[in-house]
Amino acid sequence: DTVPGMPCGPLGVGPAGDRVFKVVEGHA
């Protein structure tokens, strides 16, 4: 029942939202 924070900062995982990284297709 604990709401976790964002231990990896604003670009990291959090209790809500979807923040992801991906190599751009065609641009290695």
PDB file of all heavy atoms in Angstrom:
ATOM      1  N   ASP A   1       0.820  -1.210   0.000  1.00  0.00           N
ATOM      2  CA  ASP A   1       0.000   0.000   0.000  1.00  0.00           C
ATOM      3  C   ASP A   1       0.856   1.262   0.000  1.00  0.00           C
ATOM      4  O   ASP A   1       0.326   2.374  -0.053  1.00  0.00           O
ATOM      5  CB  ASP A   1      -0.918   0.017   1.231  1.00  0.00           C
ATOM      6  CG  ASP A   1      -1.960  -1.090   1.180  1.00  0.00           C
ATOM      7  OD1 ASP A   1      -2.331  -1.490   0.062  1.00  0.00           O
ATOM      8  OD2 ASP A   1      -2.397  -1.543   2.253  1.00  0.00           O
ATOM      9  N   THR A   2       2.170   1.096   0.030  1.00  0.00           N
ATOM     10  CA  THR A   2       3.084   2.237   0.016  1.00  0.00           C
ATOM     11  C   THR A   2       3.200   2.778  -1.397  1.00  0.00           C
ATOM     12  O   THR A   2       3.337   2.014  -2.351  1.00  0.00           O
ATOM     13  CB  THR A   2       4.477   1.815   0.515  1.00  0.00           C
ATOM     14  OG1 THR A   2       4.364   1.296   1.836  1.00  0.00           O
ATOM     15  CG2 THR A   2       5.433   3.007   0.520  1.00  0.00           C
ATOM     16  N   VAL A   3       3.121   4.084  -1.540  1.00  0.00           N
ATOM     17  CA  VAL A   3       3.308   4.702  -2.857  1.00  0.00           C
ATOM     18  C   VAL A   3       4.797   4.972  -3.040  1.00  0.00           C
ATOM     19  O   VAL A   3       5.368   5.821  -2.349  1.00  0.00           O
ATOM     20  CB  VAL A   3       2.514   6.015  -2.978  1.00  0.00           C
ATOM     21  CG1 VAL A   3       2.775   6.654  -4.343  1.00  0.00           C
ATOM     22  CG2 VAL A   3       1.024   5.758  -2.778  1.00  0.00           C
ATOM     23  N   PRO A   4       5.451   4.262  -3.948  1.00  0.00           N
ATOM     24  CA  PRO A   4       6.900   4.442  -4.113  1.00  0.00           C
ATOM     25  C   PRO A   4       7.225   5.779  -4.768  1.00  0.00           C
ATOM     26  O   PRO A   4       6.403   6.360  -5.476  1.00  0.00           O
ATOM     27  CB  PRO A   4       7.295   3.269  -5.022  1.00  0.00           C
ATOM     28  CG  PRO A   4       6.058   2.956  -5.790  1.00  0.00           C
ATOM     29  CD  PRO A   4       4.916   3.246  -4.848  1.00  0.00           C
ATOM     30  N   GLY A   5       8.408   6.256  -4.516  1.00  0.00           N
ATOM     31  CA  GLY A   5       8.847   7.491  -5.154  1.00  0.00           C
ATOM     32  C   GLY A   5       9.452   7.204  -6.516  1.00  0.00           C
ATOM     33  O   GLY A   5       9.093   6.227  -7.175  1.00  0.00           O
ATOM     34  N   MET A   6      10.374   8.064  -6.922  1.00  0.00           N
ATOM     35  CA  MET A   6      11.061   7.887  -8.201  1.00  0.00           C
ATOM     36  C   MET A   6      12.562   7.856  -7.914  1.00  0.00           C
ATOM     37  O   MET A   6      13.252   8.875  -8.025  1.00  0.00           O
ATOM     38  CB  MET A   6      10.690   8.997  -9.180  1.00  0.00           C
ATOM     39  CG  MET A   6       9.214   8.990  -9.541  1.00  0.00           C
ATOM     40  SD  MET A   6       8.751  10.262 -10.740  1.00  0.00           S
ATOM     41  CE  MET A   6       9.551   9.648 -12.231  1.00  0.00           C
ATOM     42  N   PRO A   7      13.091   6.699  -7.541  1.00  0.00           N
ATOM     43  CA  PRO A   7      14.483   6.609  -7.094  1.00  0.00           C
ATOM     44  C   PRO A   7      15.500   6.937  -8.168  1.00  0.00           C
ATOM     45  O   PRO A   7      16.665   7.196  -7.848  1.00  0.00           O
ATOM     46  CB  PRO A   7      14.609   5.150  -6.637  1.00  0.00           C
ATOM     47  CG  PRO A   7      13.552   4.425  -7.409  1.00  0.00           C
ATOM     48  CD  PRO A   7      12.418   5.395  -7.510  1.00  0.00           C
ATOM     49  N   CYS A   8      15.100   6.922  -9.435  1.00  0.00           N
ATOM     50  CA  CYS A   8      16.042   7.197 -10.522  1.00  0.00           C
ATOM     51  C   CYS A   8      15.806   8.554 -11.167  1.00  0.00           C
ATOM     52  O   CYS A   8      16.268   8.816 -12.285  1.00  0.00           O
ATOM     53  CB  CYS A   8      15.975   6.083 -11.563  1.00  0.00           C
ATOM     54  SG  CYS A   8      16.430   4.468 -10.876  1.00  0.00           S
ATOM     55  N   GLY A   9      15.066   9.423 -10.498  1.00  0.00           N
ATOM     56  CA  GLY A   9      14.865  10.765 -11.000  1.00  0.00           C
ATOM     57  C   GLY A   9      13.749  10.872 -12.024  1.00  0.00           C
ATOM     58  O   GLY A   9      13.031   9.906 -12.286  1.00  0.00           O
ATOM     59  N   PRO A  10      13.598  12.048 -12.632  1.00  0.00           N
ATOM     60  CA  PRO A  10      12.442  12.314 -13.497  1.00  0.00           C
ATOM     61  C   PRO A  10      12.387  11.487 -14.777  1.00  0.00           C
ATOM     62  O   PRO A  10      11.312  11.349 -15.371  1.00  0.00           O
ATOM     63  CB  PRO A  10      12.569  13.809 -13.818  1.00  0.00           C
ATOM     64  CG  PRO A  10      14.016  14.122 -13.592  1.00  0.00           C
ATOM     65  CD  PRO A  10      14.440  13.254 -12.472  1.00  0.00           C
ATOM     66  N   LEU A  11      13.501  10.925 -15.236  1.00  0.00           N
ATOM     67  CA  LEU A  11      13.476  10.087 -16.434  1.00  0.00           C
ATOM     68  C   LEU A  11      13.325   8.604 -16.095  1.00  0.00           C
ATOM     69  O   LEU A  11      13.273   7.761 -16.997  1.00  0.00           O
ATOM     70  CB  LEU A  11      14.751  10.270 -17.273  1.00  0.00           C
ATOM     71  CG  LEU A  11      15.096  11.688 -17.731  1.00  0.00           C
ATOM     72  CD1 LEU A  11      16.246  11.659 -18.721  1.00  0.00           C
ATOM     73  CD2 LEU A  11      13.893  12.387 -18.347  1.00  0.00           C
ATOM     74  N   GLY A  12      13.262   8.322 -14.812  1.00  0.00           N
ATOM     75  CA  GLY A  12      13.211   6.933 -14.366  1.00  0.00           C
ATOM     76  C   GLY A  12      11.807   6.425 -14.108  1.00  0.00           C
ATOM     77  O   GLY A  12      10.815   7.138 -14.293  1.00  0.00           O
ATOM     78  N   VAL A  13      11.755   5.170 -13.672  1.00  0.00           N
ATOM     79  CA  VAL A  13      10.471   4.542 -13.366  1.00  0.00           C
ATOM     80  C   VAL A  13       9.809   5.229 -12.188  1.00  0.00           C
ATOM     81  O   VAL A  13      10.465   5.844 -11.353  1.00  0.00           O
ATOM     82  CB  VAL A  13      10.667   3.043 -13.058  1.00  0.00           C
ATOM     83  CG1 VAL A  13      11.137   2.292 -14.283  1.00  0.00           C
ATOM     84  CG2 VAL A  13      11.638   2.843 -11.891  1.00  0.00           C
ATOM     85  N   GLY A  14       8.483   5.146 -12.151  1.00  0.00           N
ATOM     86  CA  GLY A  14       7.733   5.748 -11.062  1.00  0.00           C
ATOM     87  C   GLY A  14       6.455   4.989 -10.810  1.00  0.00           C
ATOM     88  O   GLY A  14       6.150   4.007 -11.508  1.00  0.00           O
ATOM     89  N   PRO A  15       5.692   5.403  -9.812  1.00  0.00           N
ATOM     90  CA  PRO A  15       4.455   4.696  -9.467  1.00  0.00           C
ATOM     91  C   PRO A  15       3.373   4.844 -10.525  1.00  0.00           C
ATOM     92  O   PRO A  15       2.409   4.080 -10.543  1.00  0.00           O
ATOM     93  CB  PRO A  15       4.035   5.344  -8.150  1.00  0.00           C
ATOM     94  CG  PRO A  15       4.651   6.715  -8.196  1.00  0.00           C
ATOM     95  CD  PRO A  15       5.953   6.530  -8.906  1.00  0.00           C
ATOM     96  N   ALA A  16       3.502   5.821 -11.418  1.00  0.00           N
ATOM     97  CA  ALA A  16       2.526   6.020 -12.485  1.00  0.00           C
ATOM     98  C   ALA A  16       3.264   6.518 -13.714  1.00  0.00           C
ATOM     99  O   ALA A  16       4.388   7.018 -13.636  1.00  0.00           O
ATOM    100  CB  ALA A  16       1.449   7.023 -12.066  1.00  0.00           C
ATOM    101  N   GLY A  17       2.642   6.371 -14.857  1.00  0.00           N
ATOM    102  CA  GLY A  17       3.249   6.844 -16.093  1.00  0.00           C
ATOM    103  C   GLY A  17       4.087   5.774 -16.767  1.00  0.00           C
ATOM    104  O   GLY A  17       4.262   4.664 -16.264  1.00  0.00           O
ATOM    105  N   ASP A  18       4.599   6.127 -17.922  1.00  0.00           N
ATOM    106  CA  ASP A  18       5.346   5.187 -18.755  1.00  0.00           C
ATOM    107  C   ASP A  18       6.470   5.943 -19.434  1.00  0.00           C
ATOM    108  O   ASP A  18       6.256   6.665 -20.398  1.00  0.00           O
ATOM    109  CB  ASP A  18       4.390   4.569 -19.787  1.00  0.00           C
ATOM    110  CG  ASP A  18       5.016   3.420 -20.559  1.00  0.00           C
ATOM    111  OD1 ASP A  18       6.094   2.943 -20.154  1.00  0.00           O
ATOM    112  OD2 ASP A  18       4.429   2.996 -21.571  1.00  0.00           O
ATOM    113  N   ARG A  19       7.686   5.808 -18.912  1.00  0.00           N
ATOM    114  CA  ARG A  19       8.854   6.508 -19.434  1.00  0.00           C
ATOM    115  C   ARG A  19       9.835   5.465 -19.962  1.00  0.00           C
ATOM    116  O   ARG A  19      10.349   4.641 -19.184  1.00  0.00           O
ATOM    117  CB  ARG A  19       9.493   7.356 -18.326  1.00  0.00           C
ATOM    118  CG  ARG A  19       8.633   8.550 -17.908  1.00  0.00           C
ATOM    119  CD  ARG A  19       9.068   9.154 -16.585  1.00  0.00           C
ATOM    120  NE  ARG A  19       8.726   8.284 -15.471  1.00  0.00           N
ATOM    121  CZ  ARG A  19       7.526   8.246 -14.878  1.00  0.00           C
ATOM    122  NH1 ARG A  19       6.556   9.048 -15.306  1.00  0.00           N
ATOM    123  NH2 ARG A  19       7.293   7.437 -13.882  1.00  0.00           N
ATOM    124  N   VAL A  20      10.095   5.511 -21.263  1.00  0.00           N
ATOM    125  CA  VAL A  20      10.894   4.460 -21.889  1.00  0.00           C
ATOM    126  C   VAL A  20      11.975   5.038 -22.792  1.00  0.00           C
ATOM    127  O   VAL A  20      11.924   6.211 -23.185  1.00  0.00           O
ATOM    128  CB  VAL A  20      10.007   3.504 -22.714  1.00  0.00           C
ATOM    129  CG1 VAL A  20       8.980   2.826 -21.826  1.00  0.00           C
ATOM    130  CG2 VAL A  20       9.319   4.241 -23.861  1.00  0.00           C
ATOM    131  N   PHE A  21      12.945   4.196 -23.125  1.00  0.00           N
ATOM    132  CA  PHE A  21      14.037   4.535 -24.034  1.00  0.00           C
ATOM    133  C   PHE A  21      14.051   3.503 -25.160  1.00  0.00           C
ATOM    134  O   PHE A  21      13.774   2.323 -24.943  1.00  0.00           O
ATOM    135  CB  PHE A  21      15.382   4.492 -23.305  1.00  0.00           C
ATOM    136  CG  PHE A  21      15.532   5.512 -22.207  1.00  0.00           C
ATOM    137  CD1 PHE A  21      14.974   5.277 -20.955  1.00  0.00           C
ATOM    138  CD2 PHE A  21      16.229   6.689 -22.419  1.00  0.00           C
ATOM    139  CE1 PHE A  21      15.108   6.213 -19.932  1.00  0.00           C
ATOM    140  CE2 PHE A  21      16.364   7.626 -21.399  1.00  0.00           C
ATOM    141  CZ  PHE A  21      15.808   7.388 -20.157  1.00  0.00           C
ATOM    142  N   LYS A  22      14.396   3.954 -26.368  1.00  0.00           N
ATOM    143  CA  LYS A  22      14.462   3.042 -27.502  1.00  0.00           C
ATOM    144  C   LYS A  22      15.398   3.604 -28.558  1.00  0.00           C
ATOM    145  O   LYS A  22      15.392   4.808 -28.817  1.00  0.00           O
ATOM    146  CB  LYS A  22      13.072   2.841 -28.112  1.00  0.00           C
ATOM    147  CG  LYS A  22      13.061   1.841 -29.266  1.00  0.00           C
ATOM    148  CD  LYS A  22      11.668   1.654 -29.846  1.00  0.00           C
ATOM    149  CE  LYS A  22      11.677   0.606 -30.959  1.00  0.00           C
ATOM    150  NZ  LYS A  22      10.322   0.390 -31.534  1.00  0.00           N
ATOM    151  N   VAL A  23      16.202   2.720 -29.172  1.00  0.00           N
ATOM    152  CA  VAL A  23      17.019   3.134 -30.301  1.00  0.00           C
ATOM    153  C   VAL A  23      16.067   3.491 -31.444  1.00  0.00           C
ATOM    154  O   VAL A  23      15.148   2.732 -31.755  1.00  0.00           O
ATOM    155  CB  VAL A  23      17.981   2.012 -30.732  1.00  0.00           C
ATOM    156  CG1 VAL A  23      18.764   2.431 -31.970  1.00  0.00           C
ATOM    157  CG2 VAL A  23      18.943   1.662 -29.596  1.00  0.00           C
ATOM    158  N   VAL A  24      16.261   4.664 -32.040  1.00  0.00           N
ATOM    159  CA  VAL A  24      15.376   5.123 -33.103  1.00  0.00           C
ATOM    160  C   VAL A  24      15.550   4.242 -34.337  1.00  0.00           C
ATOM    161  O   VAL A  24      16.679   4.011 -34.789  1.00  0.00           O
ATOM    162  CB  VAL A  24      15.652   6.598 -33.454  1.00  0.00           C
ATOM    163  CG1 VAL A  24      14.741   7.060 -34.593  1.00  0.00           C
ATOM    164  CG2 VAL A  24      15.450   7.482 -32.228  1.00  0.00           C
ATOM    165  N   GLU A  25      14.448   3.765 -34.873  1.00  0.00           N
ATOM    166  CA  GLU A  25      14.502   2.891 -36.036  1.00  0.00           C
ATOM    167  C   GLU A  25      15.196   3.600 -37.200  1.00  0.00           C
ATOM    168  O   GLU A  25      14.869   4.726 -37.550  1.00  0.00           O
ATOM    169  CB  GLU A  25      13.087   2.487 -36.448  1.00  0.00           C
ATOM    170  CG  GLU A  25      13.050   1.483 -37.588  1.00  0.00           C
ATOM    171  CD  GLU A  25      11.651   1.004 -37.912  1.00  0.00           C
ATOM    172  OE1 GLU A  25      10.696   1.410 -37.206  1.00  0.00           O
ATOM    173  OE2 GLU A  25      11.510   0.219 -38.855  1.00  0.00           O
ATOM    174  N   GLY A  26      16.177   2.920 -37.784  1.00  0.00           N
ATOM    175  CA  GLY A  26      16.924   3.494 -38.898  1.00  0.00           C
ATOM    176  C   GLY A  26      18.033   4.432 -38.485  1.00  0.00           C
ATOM    177  O   GLY A  26      18.740   4.973 -39.332  1.00  0.00           O
ATOM    178  N   HIS A  27      18.210   4.632 -37.167  1.00  0.00           N
ATOM    179  CA  HIS A  27      19.240   5.540 -36.651  1.00  0.00           C
ATOM    180  C   HIS A  27      19.922   4.865 -35.460  1.00  0.00           C
ATOM    181  O   HIS A  27      19.608   5.154 -34.300  1.00  0.00           O
ATOM    182  CB  HIS A  27      18.633   6.877 -36.232  1.00  0.00           C
ATOM    183  CG  HIS A  27      17.977   7.611 -37.350  1.00  0.00           C
ATOM    184  ND1 HIS A  27      18.653   8.469 -38.188  1.00  0.00           N
ATOM    185  CD2 HIS A  27      16.684   7.584 -37.793  1.00  0.00           C
ATOM    186  CE1 HIS A  27      17.812   8.952 -39.091  1.00  0.00           C
ATOM    187  NE2 HIS A  27      16.620   8.444 -38.871  1.00  0.00           N
ATOM    188  N   ALA A  28      20.853   3.980 -35.751  1.00  0.00           N
ATOM    189  CA  ALA A  28      21.519   3.216 -34.695  1.00  0.00           C
ATOM    190  C   ALA A  28      22.339   4.086 -33.763  1.00  0.00           C
ATOM    191  O   ALA A  28      22.740   3.636 -32.680  1.00  0.00           O
ATOM    192  CB  ALA A  28      22.425   2.150 -35.323  1.00  0.00           C
TER     193      ALA A  28
END
